[in-house]
Amino acid sequence: MDLPDEIRTFICMEINDPEIIKNASEVQAAFESEGKDIGKLKFVELHNIHITLKFLGNITMETAQTIYGILQQVNAEIIPEGGFDIELKTVGEFGKRVLWVGVEDPAGIIENVQARIEDELFSLGIPREKRPFEGHMTLARVKFLKDKKLFGDKVRSVKDTRFGTQHVAEVLLKRSQLTPRGPIYTTLRF
C-alpha cells in the first residue's frame, strides 16, 4: 500500500473490551432516543473508540516512523510487561461540546505515558498540549444543542455508568483518514 507524503495521525490506547463497547452503545442509544429534541450529536463509531494521548495532525512519513520508534520505547519502558488494566466509568461533558467517559488508572500509568510522549515529541519540535491532559474516551461530539437542560439531565441520568475494565498492552500510532462516511483509523507499524 502506497502512503502519501503526509498523513493525519494521533497516539492512543485502543478500547475494544466487549463489555465496554456494549455499555458505550447503550449510553449512545440513550442520547439518540431523545432525537432532535436534544440537538445534533455525532456519535463515535464503536469500532473507533479509544483514549487519545496526543493528536498530531498531519505529519510526514519520516516523522511517523520516528514517533513509532519513540512509542516502542515508551511501551517497553513504561507499560508493565503483560500490560495493565484501566476502569472506564463516569459519564461527563466538556463544555457541552464533548460527551465522554472517565478513565480510572490507580497506578497513574496513562499519565506517565502521556507525559513521556509530550516530552519526547517536544524534543522533535512538536508543540506540547496547551490544556492539561484528562484521560477520557469520547462517546460523541456535540454539533448543535437544541435543549441544553435536556442534554444536562441526560448526562446526569447516565453519570454513574460503569463501563468495564480494559486491558492495555501498548500505545499505538494511528492514521486517521477522513471520509464522508466517517473517519477510518489504521494502526501504523514500521
N, C-alpha and C. Protein backbone atom coordinates (compact mmCIF):
# COMPACT_ATOMS: atom_id res chain seq x y z
N MET A 1 0.85 -1.19 0.00
CA MET A 1 0.00 0.00 0.00
C MET A 1 0.89 1.24 0.00
N ASP A 2 0.71 2.12 -0.96
CA ASP A 2 1.44 3.37 -1.01
C ASP A 2 0.77 4.37 -0.08
N LEU A 3 1.58 5.04 0.74
CA LEU A 3 1.06 6.06 1.63
C LEU A 3 1.48 7.43 1.10
N PRO A 4 0.67 8.46 1.31
CA PRO A 4 1.04 9.80 0.87
C PRO A 4 2.21 10.33 1.70
N ASP A 5 2.78 11.47 1.25
CA ASP A 5 3.92 12.06 1.97
C ASP A 5 3.54 12.50 3.37
N GLU A 6 2.32 13.02 3.54
CA GLU A 6 1.85 13.43 4.86
C GLU A 6 0.57 12.67 5.20
N ILE A 7 0.47 12.32 6.47
CA ILE A 7 -0.72 11.61 6.94
C ILE A 7 -1.21 12.24 8.24
N ARG A 8 -2.52 12.18 8.45
CA ARG A 8 -3.16 12.70 9.66
C ARG A 8 -3.05 11.60 10.72
N THR A 9 -2.54 11.95 11.89
CA THR A 9 -2.25 10.91 12.90
C THR A 9 -2.60 11.34 14.32
N PHE A 10 -2.69 10.33 15.18
CA PHE A 10 -2.83 10.55 16.62
C PHE A 10 -2.25 9.34 17.35
N ILE A 11 -1.98 9.53 18.64
CA ILE A 11 -1.44 8.47 19.50
C ILE A 11 -2.55 8.12 20.50
N CYS A 12 -2.77 6.80 20.69
CA CYS A 12 -3.89 6.40 21.55
C CYS A 12 -3.67 5.06 22.22
N MET A 13 -4.62 4.76 23.09
CA MET A 13 -4.79 3.42 23.66
C MET A 13 -6.13 2.93 23.15
N GLU A 14 -6.13 1.76 22.55
CA GLU A 14 -7.35 1.21 21.95
C GLU A 14 -8.32 0.73 23.02
N ILE A 15 -9.60 0.91 22.75
CA ILE A 15 -10.66 0.38 23.61
C ILE A 15 -11.42 -0.66 22.78
N ASN A 16 -11.36 -1.91 23.22
CA ASN A 16 -12.01 -2.97 22.44
C ASN A 16 -12.66 -4.05 23.32
N ASP A 17 -12.75 -3.81 24.62
CA ASP A 17 -13.38 -4.78 25.51
C ASP A 17 -14.88 -4.86 25.19
N PRO A 18 -15.42 -6.07 24.96
CA PRO A 18 -16.83 -6.20 24.57
C PRO A 18 -17.81 -5.57 25.56
N GLU A 19 -17.55 -5.67 26.86
CA GLU A 19 -18.45 -5.09 27.86
C GLU A 19 -18.46 -3.56 27.73
N ILE A 20 -17.28 -2.97 27.55
CA ILE A 20 -17.19 -1.51 27.41
C ILE A 20 -17.91 -1.07 26.14
N ILE A 21 -17.72 -1.77 25.06
CA ILE A 21 -18.37 -1.43 23.79
C ILE A 21 -19.89 -1.52 23.94
N LYS A 22 -20.37 -2.57 24.60
CA LYS A 22 -21.82 -2.75 24.81
C LYS A 22 -22.37 -1.58 25.64
N ASN A 23 -21.69 -1.23 26.72
CA ASN A 23 -22.16 -0.14 27.57
C ASN A 23 -22.08 1.21 26.86
N ALA A 24 -21.05 1.41 26.05
CA ALA A 24 -20.94 2.64 25.27
C ALA A 24 -22.11 2.75 24.30
N SER A 25 -22.45 1.63 23.68
CA SER A 25 -23.58 1.59 22.74
C SER A 25 -24.88 1.95 23.45
N GLU A 26 -25.07 1.44 24.66
CA GLU A 26 -26.30 1.72 25.41
C GLU A 26 -26.40 3.19 25.80
N VAL A 27 -25.28 3.79 26.21
CA VAL A 27 -25.31 5.21 26.57
C VAL A 27 -25.55 6.07 25.32
N GLN A 28 -24.90 5.72 24.23
CA GLN A 28 -25.15 6.45 22.99
C GLN A 28 -26.63 6.35 22.61
N ALA A 29 -27.21 5.16 22.74
CA ALA A 29 -28.63 4.95 22.40
C ALA A 29 -29.54 5.79 23.30
N ALA A 30 -29.16 5.97 24.56
CA ALA A 30 -29.95 6.79 25.48
C ALA A 30 -30.02 8.23 24.99
N PHE A 31 -28.92 8.74 24.45
CA PHE A 31 -28.92 10.10 23.91
C PHE A 31 -29.63 10.15 22.56
N GLU A 32 -29.43 9.11 21.77
CA GLU A 32 -30.06 9.05 20.45
C GLU A 32 -31.59 8.99 20.58
N SER A 33 -32.07 8.37 21.66
CA SER A 33 -33.52 8.22 21.85
C SER A 33 -34.22 9.57 22.03
N GLU A 34 -33.47 10.58 22.41
CA GLU A 34 -34.05 11.92 22.56
C GLU A 34 -34.26 12.58 21.21
N GLY A 35 -33.65 12.01 20.19
CA GLY A 35 -33.84 12.51 18.83
C GLY A 35 -33.45 13.97 18.68
N LYS A 36 -34.20 14.67 17.88
CA LYS A 36 -33.88 16.07 17.56
C LYS A 36 -34.19 17.01 18.72
N ASP A 37 -34.91 16.51 19.75
CA ASP A 37 -35.23 17.37 20.90
C ASP A 37 -33.96 17.84 21.59
N ILE A 38 -32.96 16.99 21.61
CA ILE A 38 -31.72 17.31 22.31
C ILE A 38 -30.79 18.15 21.44
N GLY A 39 -30.85 17.97 20.13
CA GLY A 39 -29.96 18.66 19.19
C GLY A 39 -29.31 17.65 18.27
N LYS A 40 -28.09 17.94 17.87
CA LYS A 40 -27.39 17.03 16.95
C LYS A 40 -26.06 16.61 17.57
N LEU A 41 -25.91 15.30 17.78
CA LEU A 41 -24.68 14.73 18.31
C LEU A 41 -24.08 13.83 17.24
N LYS A 42 -22.76 13.87 17.11
CA LYS A 42 -22.03 12.96 16.20
C LYS A 42 -21.41 11.89 17.09
N PHE A 43 -21.99 10.69 17.06
CA PHE A 43 -21.52 9.60 17.91
C PHE A 43 -20.26 8.97 17.32
N VAL A 44 -19.30 8.67 18.18
CA VAL A 44 -18.10 7.97 17.75
C VAL A 44 -18.51 6.54 17.41
N GLU A 45 -18.10 6.07 16.25
CA GLU A 45 -18.40 4.69 15.87
C GLU A 45 -17.71 3.76 16.87
N LEU A 46 -18.43 2.73 17.28
CA LEU A 46 -17.94 1.88 18.36
C LEU A 46 -16.59 1.22 18.04
N HIS A 47 -16.34 0.90 16.79
CA HIS A 47 -15.05 0.28 16.43
C HIS A 47 -13.91 1.31 16.42
N ASN A 48 -14.24 2.59 16.59
CA ASN A 48 -13.22 3.65 16.61
C ASN A 48 -12.95 4.20 18.00
N ILE A 49 -13.60 3.67 19.02
CA ILE A 49 -13.46 4.22 20.38
C ILE A 49 -12.05 3.97 20.90
N HIS A 50 -11.47 5.00 21.51
CA HIS A 50 -10.10 4.92 22.02
C HIS A 50 -9.88 6.03 23.06
N ILE A 51 -8.72 6.03 23.66
CA ILE A 51 -8.29 7.12 24.55
C ILE A 51 -7.15 7.84 23.83
N THR A 52 -7.39 9.08 23.43
CA THR A 52 -6.36 9.85 22.73
C THR A 52 -5.33 10.36 23.74
N LEU A 53 -4.07 10.10 23.45
CA LEU A 53 -2.98 10.62 24.28
C LEU A 53 -2.38 11.87 23.65
N LYS A 54 -2.41 11.94 22.31
CA LYS A 54 -1.87 13.11 21.62
C LYS A 54 -2.38 13.11 20.18
N PHE A 55 -3.02 14.21 19.79
CA PHE A 55 -3.41 14.39 18.39
C PHE A 55 -2.24 15.08 17.70
N LEU A 56 -1.78 14.50 16.60
CA LEU A 56 -0.61 15.04 15.91
C LEU A 56 -0.97 15.84 14.67
N GLY A 57 -2.11 15.55 14.07
CA GLY A 57 -2.46 16.21 12.82
C GLY A 57 -1.63 15.63 11.69
N ASN A 58 -1.37 16.43 10.67
CA ASN A 58 -0.61 15.97 9.51
C ASN A 58 0.88 15.96 9.80
N ILE A 59 1.50 14.80 9.59
CA ILE A 59 2.94 14.66 9.75
C ILE A 59 3.49 13.89 8.56
N THR A 60 4.79 14.01 8.36
CA THR A 60 5.42 13.27 7.26
C THR A 60 5.59 11.81 7.64
N MET A 61 5.79 10.97 6.64
CA MET A 61 6.03 9.55 6.91
C MET A 61 7.31 9.37 7.72
N GLU A 62 8.31 10.20 7.44
CA GLU A 62 9.57 10.11 8.19
C GLU A 62 9.32 10.41 9.67
N THR A 63 8.53 11.45 9.95
CA THR A 63 8.20 11.78 11.34
C THR A 63 7.38 10.65 11.98
N ALA A 64 6.46 10.07 11.22
CA ALA A 64 5.65 8.96 11.73
C ALA A 64 6.55 7.79 12.13
N GLN A 65 7.55 7.49 11.32
CA GLN A 65 8.47 6.40 11.65
C GLN A 65 9.26 6.71 12.91
N THR A 66 9.69 7.96 13.06
CA THR A 66 10.42 8.36 14.27
C THR A 66 9.52 8.23 15.49
N ILE A 67 8.29 8.70 15.38
CA ILE A 67 7.34 8.62 16.50
C ILE A 67 7.03 7.17 16.84
N TYR A 68 6.90 6.34 15.83
CA TYR A 68 6.66 4.91 16.08
C TYR A 68 7.80 4.34 16.93
N GLY A 69 9.05 4.69 16.60
CA GLY A 69 10.19 4.24 17.39
C GLY A 69 10.12 4.72 18.83
N ILE A 70 9.71 5.97 19.02
CA ILE A 70 9.55 6.52 20.37
C ILE A 70 8.48 5.74 21.13
N LEU A 71 7.38 5.43 20.47
CA LEU A 71 6.30 4.70 21.14
C LEU A 71 6.74 3.29 21.52
N GLN A 72 7.58 2.69 20.70
CA GLN A 72 8.10 1.36 21.05
C GLN A 72 8.92 1.45 22.33
N GLN A 73 9.71 2.51 22.47
CA GLN A 73 10.49 2.72 23.71
C GLN A 73 9.56 2.94 24.90
N VAL A 74 8.55 3.79 24.72
CA VAL A 74 7.59 4.06 25.79
C VAL A 74 6.89 2.77 26.21
N ASN A 75 6.46 1.98 25.23
CA ASN A 75 5.81 0.70 25.55
C ASN A 75 6.72 -0.21 26.35
N ALA A 76 7.99 -0.26 25.98
CA ALA A 76 8.94 -1.15 26.67
C ALA A 76 9.31 -0.64 28.06
N GLU A 77 9.39 0.68 28.22
CA GLU A 77 9.90 1.25 29.47
C GLU A 77 8.82 1.61 30.49
N ILE A 78 7.60 1.91 30.04
CA ILE A 78 6.58 2.37 30.99
C ILE A 78 5.42 1.38 31.13
N ILE A 79 4.98 0.80 30.03
CA ILE A 79 3.88 -0.17 30.11
C ILE A 79 4.42 -1.44 30.78
N PRO A 80 3.79 -1.89 31.87
CA PRO A 80 4.28 -3.11 32.53
C PRO A 80 4.23 -4.31 31.57
N GLU A 81 5.18 -5.22 31.75
CA GLU A 81 5.18 -6.44 30.94
C GLU A 81 3.83 -7.14 31.15
N GLY A 82 3.19 -7.49 30.06
CA GLY A 82 1.86 -8.11 30.15
C GLY A 82 0.74 -7.08 30.16
N GLY A 83 1.06 -5.78 30.18
CA GLY A 83 0.05 -4.73 30.13
C GLY A 83 -0.51 -4.38 31.50
N PHE A 84 -1.59 -3.60 31.48
CA PHE A 84 -2.23 -3.15 32.73
C PHE A 84 -3.71 -2.92 32.45
N ASP A 85 -4.49 -2.83 33.53
CA ASP A 85 -5.94 -2.65 33.40
C ASP A 85 -6.35 -1.25 33.82
N ILE A 86 -7.32 -0.70 33.11
CA ILE A 86 -7.93 0.57 33.47
C ILE A 86 -9.43 0.35 33.57
N GLU A 87 -10.07 1.18 34.35
CA GLU A 87 -11.52 1.12 34.52
C GLU A 87 -12.14 2.32 33.80
N LEU A 88 -13.17 2.08 33.02
CA LEU A 88 -13.88 3.18 32.38
C LEU A 88 -15.22 3.34 33.07
N LYS A 89 -15.44 4.55 33.59
CA LYS A 89 -16.67 4.83 34.32
C LYS A 89 -16.87 6.33 34.42
N THR A 90 -18.06 6.72 34.73
CA THR A 90 -18.47 8.10 34.92
C THR A 90 -18.58 8.85 33.60
N VAL A 91 -19.79 9.20 33.24
CA VAL A 91 -20.05 9.97 32.02
C VAL A 91 -20.04 11.45 32.37
N GLY A 92 -19.42 12.24 31.51
CA GLY A 92 -19.39 13.68 31.71
C GLY A 92 -19.36 14.39 30.37
N GLU A 93 -19.21 15.72 30.43
CA GLU A 93 -19.14 16.50 29.20
C GLU A 93 -18.15 17.64 29.39
N PHE A 94 -17.50 18.00 28.30
CA PHE A 94 -16.59 19.14 28.28
C PHE A 94 -17.33 20.29 27.61
N GLY A 95 -17.74 21.27 28.40
CA GLY A 95 -18.34 22.48 27.87
C GLY A 95 -19.48 22.27 26.89
N LYS A 96 -20.27 21.26 27.10
CA LYS A 96 -21.39 20.93 26.21
C LYS A 96 -20.94 20.74 24.76
N ARG A 97 -19.67 20.32 24.59
CA ARG A 97 -19.12 20.07 23.25
C ARG A 97 -18.77 18.61 23.04
N VAL A 98 -18.38 17.92 24.13
CA VAL A 98 -17.94 16.52 24.03
C VAL A 98 -18.58 15.72 25.15
N LEU A 99 -19.15 14.58 24.79
CA LEU A 99 -19.69 13.62 25.76
C LEU A 99 -18.61 12.55 25.94
N TRP A 100 -18.17 12.33 27.18
CA TRP A 100 -17.03 11.45 27.42
C TRP A 100 -17.27 10.49 28.58
N VAL A 101 -16.37 9.50 28.66
CA VAL A 101 -16.33 8.54 29.77
C VAL A 101 -14.98 8.69 30.44
N GLY A 102 -14.97 8.77 31.75
CA GLY A 102 -13.74 8.92 32.50
C GLY A 102 -12.95 7.63 32.60
N VAL A 103 -11.66 7.79 32.88
CA VAL A 103 -10.73 6.66 32.99
C VAL A 103 -10.16 6.65 34.40
N GLU A 104 -10.23 5.49 35.04
CA GLU A 104 -9.61 5.32 36.34
C GLU A 104 -8.37 4.44 36.16
N ASP A 105 -7.23 5.02 36.52
CA ASP A 105 -5.94 4.35 36.37
C ASP A 105 -5.16 4.57 37.67
N PRO A 106 -5.44 3.75 38.70
CA PRO A 106 -4.86 3.98 40.02
C PRO A 106 -3.33 4.06 40.03
N ALA A 107 -2.68 3.33 39.13
CA ALA A 107 -1.21 3.35 39.11
C ALA A 107 -0.66 4.57 38.38
N GLY A 108 -1.51 5.34 37.72
CA GLY A 108 -1.05 6.55 37.03
C GLY A 108 -0.23 6.27 35.77
N ILE A 109 -0.39 5.09 35.20
CA ILE A 109 0.42 4.71 34.03
C ILE A 109 0.08 5.58 32.83
N ILE A 110 -1.22 5.84 32.60
CA ILE A 110 -1.61 6.65 31.44
C ILE A 110 -0.98 8.04 31.53
N GLU A 111 -1.04 8.65 32.69
CA GLU A 111 -0.47 9.99 32.86
C GLU A 111 1.04 9.97 32.62
N ASN A 112 1.72 8.92 33.12
CA ASN A 112 3.17 8.80 32.90
C ASN A 112 3.49 8.62 31.42
N VAL A 113 2.71 7.79 30.75
CA VAL A 113 2.92 7.55 29.32
C VAL A 113 2.70 8.85 28.55
N GLN A 114 1.61 9.54 28.85
CA GLN A 114 1.28 10.77 28.12
C GLN A 114 2.34 11.85 28.35
N ALA A 115 2.81 11.98 29.58
CA ALA A 115 3.85 12.98 29.89
C ALA A 115 5.15 12.65 29.15
N ARG A 116 5.50 11.39 29.11
CA ARG A 116 6.72 10.97 28.40
C ARG A 116 6.59 11.25 26.90
N ILE A 117 5.42 10.96 26.34
CA ILE A 117 5.18 11.23 24.92
C ILE A 117 5.32 12.73 24.65
N GLU A 118 4.71 13.55 25.49
CA GLU A 118 4.82 15.02 25.33
C GLU A 118 6.29 15.45 25.34
N ASP A 119 7.07 14.94 26.28
CA ASP A 119 8.49 15.31 26.38
C ASP A 119 9.27 14.88 25.14
N GLU A 120 9.06 13.64 24.73
CA GLU A 120 9.79 13.11 23.57
C GLU A 120 9.42 13.86 22.29
N LEU A 121 8.14 14.13 22.10
CA LEU A 121 7.71 14.80 20.87
C LEU A 121 8.12 16.27 20.87
N PHE A 122 8.17 16.89 22.06
CA PHE A 122 8.63 18.28 22.15
C PHE A 122 10.08 18.37 21.67
N SER A 123 10.87 17.34 21.98
CA SER A 123 12.27 17.34 21.53
C SER A 123 12.37 17.21 20.01
N LEU A 124 11.29 16.78 19.35
CA LEU A 124 11.24 16.71 17.89
C LEU A 124 10.67 18.00 17.29
N GLY A 125 10.29 18.94 18.15
CA GLY A 125 9.72 20.19 17.66
C GLY A 125 8.20 20.19 17.59
N ILE A 126 7.56 19.17 18.14
CA ILE A 126 6.10 19.11 18.15
C ILE A 126 5.62 19.79 19.43
N PRO A 127 4.79 20.84 19.29
CA PRO A 127 4.37 21.60 20.47
C PRO A 127 3.63 20.75 21.50
N ARG A 128 3.79 21.13 22.76
CA ARG A 128 3.06 20.48 23.85
C ARG A 128 1.59 20.90 23.81
N GLU A 129 0.74 20.07 24.37
CA GLU A 129 -0.67 20.43 24.50
C GLU A 129 -0.78 21.62 25.45
N LYS A 130 -1.67 22.53 25.14
CA LYS A 130 -1.87 23.72 25.99
C LYS A 130 -2.71 23.39 27.22
N ARG A 131 -3.67 22.48 27.05
CA ARG A 131 -4.55 22.11 28.16
C ARG A 131 -3.96 20.92 28.92
N PRO A 132 -4.23 20.85 30.22
CA PRO A 132 -3.78 19.68 30.97
C PRO A 132 -4.46 18.41 30.44
N PHE A 133 -3.74 17.30 30.49
CA PHE A 133 -4.26 16.03 30.00
C PHE A 133 -5.36 15.52 30.92
N GLU A 134 -6.49 15.12 30.33
CA GLU A 134 -7.58 14.47 31.05
C GLU A 134 -7.95 13.22 30.27
N GLY A 135 -7.46 12.07 30.72
CA GLY A 135 -7.74 10.83 30.03
C GLY A 135 -9.23 10.55 29.97
N HIS A 136 -9.72 10.29 28.77
CA HIS A 136 -11.15 10.02 28.59
C HIS A 136 -11.38 9.28 27.29
N MET A 137 -12.54 8.68 27.19
CA MET A 137 -13.00 8.02 25.98
C MET A 137 -14.18 8.84 25.46
N THR A 138 -14.07 9.37 24.26
CA THR A 138 -15.14 10.19 23.69
C THR A 138 -16.26 9.30 23.16
N LEU A 139 -17.49 9.64 23.55
CA LEU A 139 -18.68 8.93 23.06
C LEU A 139 -19.35 9.70 21.91
N ALA A 140 -19.32 11.05 22.00
CA ALA A 140 -19.97 11.87 20.98
C ALA A 140 -19.42 13.28 21.01
N ARG A 141 -19.51 13.93 19.87
CA ARG A 141 -19.20 15.35 19.76
C ARG A 141 -20.51 16.07 19.50
N VAL A 142 -20.71 17.16 20.21
CA VAL A 142 -21.95 17.92 20.07
C VAL A 142 -21.80 18.88 18.89
N LYS A 143 -22.66 18.73 17.91
CA LYS A 143 -22.67 19.63 16.75
C LYS A 143 -23.56 20.83 17.02
N PHE A 144 -24.69 20.57 17.68
CA PHE A 144 -25.66 21.62 17.99
C PHE A 144 -26.55 21.13 19.13
N LEU A 145 -26.75 21.99 20.14
CA LEU A 145 -27.66 21.64 21.23
C LEU A 145 -28.92 22.47 21.11
N LYS A 146 -30.03 21.80 20.98
CA LYS A 146 -31.32 22.48 20.93
C LYS A 146 -31.82 22.74 22.35
N ASP A 147 -31.58 21.77 23.24
CA ASP A 147 -32.08 21.86 24.61
C ASP A 147 -30.95 21.52 25.58
N LYS A 148 -30.27 22.54 26.09
CA LYS A 148 -29.13 22.33 27.00
C LYS A 148 -29.56 21.65 28.30
N LYS A 149 -30.76 21.98 28.79
CA LYS A 149 -31.24 21.36 30.02
C LYS A 149 -31.47 19.87 29.81
N LEU A 150 -32.10 19.50 28.70
CA LEU A 150 -32.33 18.09 28.39
C LEU A 150 -30.99 17.35 28.28
N PHE A 151 -30.02 17.96 27.62
CA PHE A 151 -28.69 17.36 27.50
C PHE A 151 -28.07 17.15 28.88
N GLY A 152 -28.10 18.19 29.71
CA GLY A 152 -27.56 18.09 31.07
C GLY A 152 -28.26 17.05 31.90
N ASP A 153 -29.59 16.99 31.79
CA ASP A 153 -30.37 15.98 32.52
C ASP A 153 -29.98 14.58 32.07
N LYS A 154 -29.78 14.40 30.77
CA LYS A 154 -29.43 13.07 30.23
C LYS A 154 -28.03 12.68 30.71
N VAL A 155 -27.09 13.64 30.72
CA VAL A 155 -25.73 13.35 31.22
C VAL A 155 -25.83 12.90 32.68
N ARG A 156 -26.60 13.63 33.48
CA ARG A 156 -26.74 13.27 34.91
C ARG A 156 -27.39 11.88 35.07
N SER A 157 -28.31 11.53 34.18
CA SER A 157 -29.01 10.24 34.31
C SER A 157 -28.09 9.04 34.04
N VAL A 158 -27.01 9.25 33.29
CA VAL A 158 -26.09 8.14 32.99
C VAL A 158 -24.72 8.34 33.64
N LYS A 159 -24.60 9.40 34.43
CA LYS A 159 -23.31 9.80 35.03
C LYS A 159 -22.56 8.66 35.70
N ASP A 160 -23.25 7.84 36.46
CA ASP A 160 -22.59 6.81 37.27
C ASP A 160 -22.45 5.47 36.56
N THR A 161 -22.58 5.46 35.25
CA THR A 161 -22.44 4.21 34.49
C THR A 161 -21.02 3.68 34.62
N ARG A 162 -20.91 2.40 34.94
CA ARG A 162 -19.61 1.71 34.95
C ARG A 162 -19.52 0.93 33.65
N PHE A 163 -18.53 1.24 32.85
CA PHE A 163 -18.43 0.65 31.51
C PHE A 163 -17.69 -0.68 31.52
N GLY A 164 -16.69 -0.82 32.39
CA GLY A 164 -15.94 -2.06 32.46
C GLY A 164 -14.45 -1.83 32.52
N THR A 165 -13.72 -2.92 32.41
CA THR A 165 -12.26 -2.91 32.51
C THR A 165 -11.64 -3.18 31.15
N GLN A 166 -10.68 -2.35 30.79
CA GLN A 166 -9.95 -2.52 29.53
C GLN A 166 -8.51 -2.90 29.85
N HIS A 167 -8.04 -3.96 29.23
CA HIS A 167 -6.63 -4.33 29.36
C HIS A 167 -5.86 -3.56 28.28
N VAL A 168 -4.81 -2.88 28.69
CA VAL A 168 -3.99 -2.09 27.76
C VAL A 168 -2.62 -2.73 27.67
N ALA A 169 -2.23 -3.12 26.47
CA ALA A 169 -0.93 -3.76 26.26
C ALA A 169 0.09 -2.82 25.63
N GLU A 170 -0.41 -1.79 24.90
CA GLU A 170 0.51 -0.90 24.21
C GLU A 170 -0.15 0.40 23.80
N VAL A 171 0.70 1.37 23.54
CA VAL A 171 0.29 2.65 22.98
C VAL A 171 0.47 2.56 21.47
N LEU A 172 -0.50 3.08 20.72
CA LEU A 172 -0.49 2.92 19.27
C LEU A 172 -0.42 4.26 18.54
N LEU A 173 0.19 4.24 17.37
CA LEU A 173 0.17 5.36 16.44
C LEU A 173 -0.88 5.02 15.40
N LYS A 174 -1.86 5.91 15.23
CA LYS A 174 -2.97 5.66 14.30
C LYS A 174 -2.99 6.71 13.20
N ARG A 175 -3.32 6.24 12.01
CA ARG A 175 -3.60 7.12 10.89
C ARG A 175 -5.10 7.37 10.89
N SER A 176 -5.51 8.60 10.63
CA SER A 176 -6.92 8.95 10.55
C SER A 176 -7.21 9.49 9.16
N GLN A 177 -8.00 8.74 8.41
CA GLN A 177 -8.42 9.18 7.08
C GLN A 177 -9.86 9.66 7.18
N LEU A 178 -10.09 10.93 6.91
CA LEU A 178 -11.43 11.49 6.99
C LEU A 178 -12.18 11.19 5.68
N THR A 179 -13.37 10.64 5.83
CA THR A 179 -14.21 10.33 4.67
C THR A 179 -15.61 10.88 4.94
N PRO A 180 -16.43 11.02 3.91
CA PRO A 180 -17.81 11.48 4.12
C PRO A 180 -18.62 10.56 5.04
N ARG A 181 -18.23 9.29 5.12
CA ARG A 181 -18.94 8.32 5.97
C ARG A 181 -18.34 8.20 7.36
N GLY A 182 -17.37 9.03 7.67
CA GLY A 182 -16.73 8.99 8.97
C GLY A 182 -15.26 8.64 8.84
N PRO A 183 -14.50 8.82 9.93
CA PRO A 183 -13.07 8.55 9.86
C PRO A 183 -12.75 7.06 9.80
N ILE A 184 -11.64 6.76 9.14
CA ILE A 184 -11.11 5.40 9.10
C ILE A 184 -9.78 5.44 9.83
N TYR A 185 -9.66 4.65 10.90
CA TYR A 185 -8.43 4.60 11.68
C TYR A 185 -7.66 3.34 11.35
N THR A 186 -6.36 3.51 11.12
CA THR A 186 -5.48 2.38 10.82
C THR A 186 -4.28 2.44 11.75
N THR A 187 -3.95 1.32 12.38
CA THR A 187 -2.75 1.26 13.22
C THR A 187 -1.52 1.24 12.33
N LEU A 188 -0.56 2.10 12.62
CA LEU A 188 0.68 2.16 11.85
C LEU A 188 1.77 1.39 12.57
N ARG A 189 2.46 0.57 11.81
CA ARG A 189 3.62 -0.18 12.33
C ARG A 189 4.69 -0.13 11.25
N PHE A 190 5.90 0.16 11.66
CA PHE A 190 7.01 0.25 10.69
C PHE A 190 8.07 -0.79 11.01
